[in-house]
């Protein structure tokens, strides 16, 4: 059972997209590549959460 509300997951998707597109502009990488890396949750900082 998924405890996340649709609104929260939508907000997180928008945040991921914004971070990916901003990073893509700065680094010249593809937005889709960066966004998929953010979704993969394989970061060494995965235990850190965004403030609400």
Protein backbone atom coordinates (compact mmCIF):
# COMPACT_ATOMS: atom_id res chain seq x y z
CA UNK A 1 0.00 0.00 0.00
CA UNK A 2 1.35 3.40 -0.95
CA UNK A 3 1.14 5.99 1.85
CA UNK A 4 2.08 8.96 -0.33
CA UNK A 5 -0.73 11.22 -1.39
CA UNK A 6 -1.02 12.03 -5.10
CA UNK A 7 -0.43 15.67 -4.32
CA UNK A 8 2.89 15.03 -2.55
CA UNK A 9 4.18 12.71 -5.28
CA UNK A 10 3.20 15.30 -7.87
CA UNK A 11 5.10 17.99 -6.00
CA UNK A 12 8.17 15.76 -5.74
CA UNK A 13 7.98 15.09 -9.48
CA UNK A 14 7.91 18.83 -10.16
CA UNK A 15 10.88 19.38 -7.85
CA UNK A 16 12.83 16.58 -9.57
CA UNK A 17 12.07 18.09 -12.98
CA UNK A 18 13.13 21.56 -11.86
CA UNK A 19 16.39 20.30 -10.37
CA UNK A 20 17.12 18.18 -13.44
CA UNK A 21 16.44 20.98 -15.90
CA UNK A 22 18.49 23.49 -13.92
CA UNK A 23 21.40 21.05 -13.70
CA UNK A 24 21.07 20.24 -17.41
CA UNK A 25 21.40 23.91 -18.29
CA UNK A 26 24.53 24.26 -16.16
CA UNK A 27 26.21 21.00 -17.21
CA UNK A 28 24.97 20.43 -20.76
CA UNK A 29 23.60 16.97 -19.90
CA UNK A 30 20.19 15.68 -20.96
CA UNK A 31 17.26 16.47 -18.66
CA UNK A 32 15.84 12.93 -18.99
CA UNK A 33 19.16 11.41 -17.93
CA UNK A 34 19.41 13.61 -14.87
CA UNK A 35 15.77 13.09 -13.97
CA UNK A 36 16.13 9.31 -14.17
CA UNK A 37 19.16 9.48 -11.88
CA UNK A 38 17.13 11.43 -9.35
CA UNK A 39 14.31 8.88 -9.56
CA UNK A 40 16.73 5.96 -9.15
CA UNK A 41 17.46 6.94 -5.55
CA UNK A 42 20.96 5.51 -5.70
CA UNK A 43 22.58 8.60 -4.32
CA UNK A 44 24.89 8.48 -1.34
CA UNK A 45 22.76 11.29 0.14
CA UNK A 46 19.48 9.42 -0.18
CA UNK A 47 18.96 9.43 3.58
CA UNK A 48 18.56 13.23 3.49
CA UNK A 49 15.04 14.54 2.99
CA UNK A 50 13.78 17.87 1.64
CA UNK A 51 12.24 20.23 4.18
CA UNK A 52 8.47 20.58 4.13
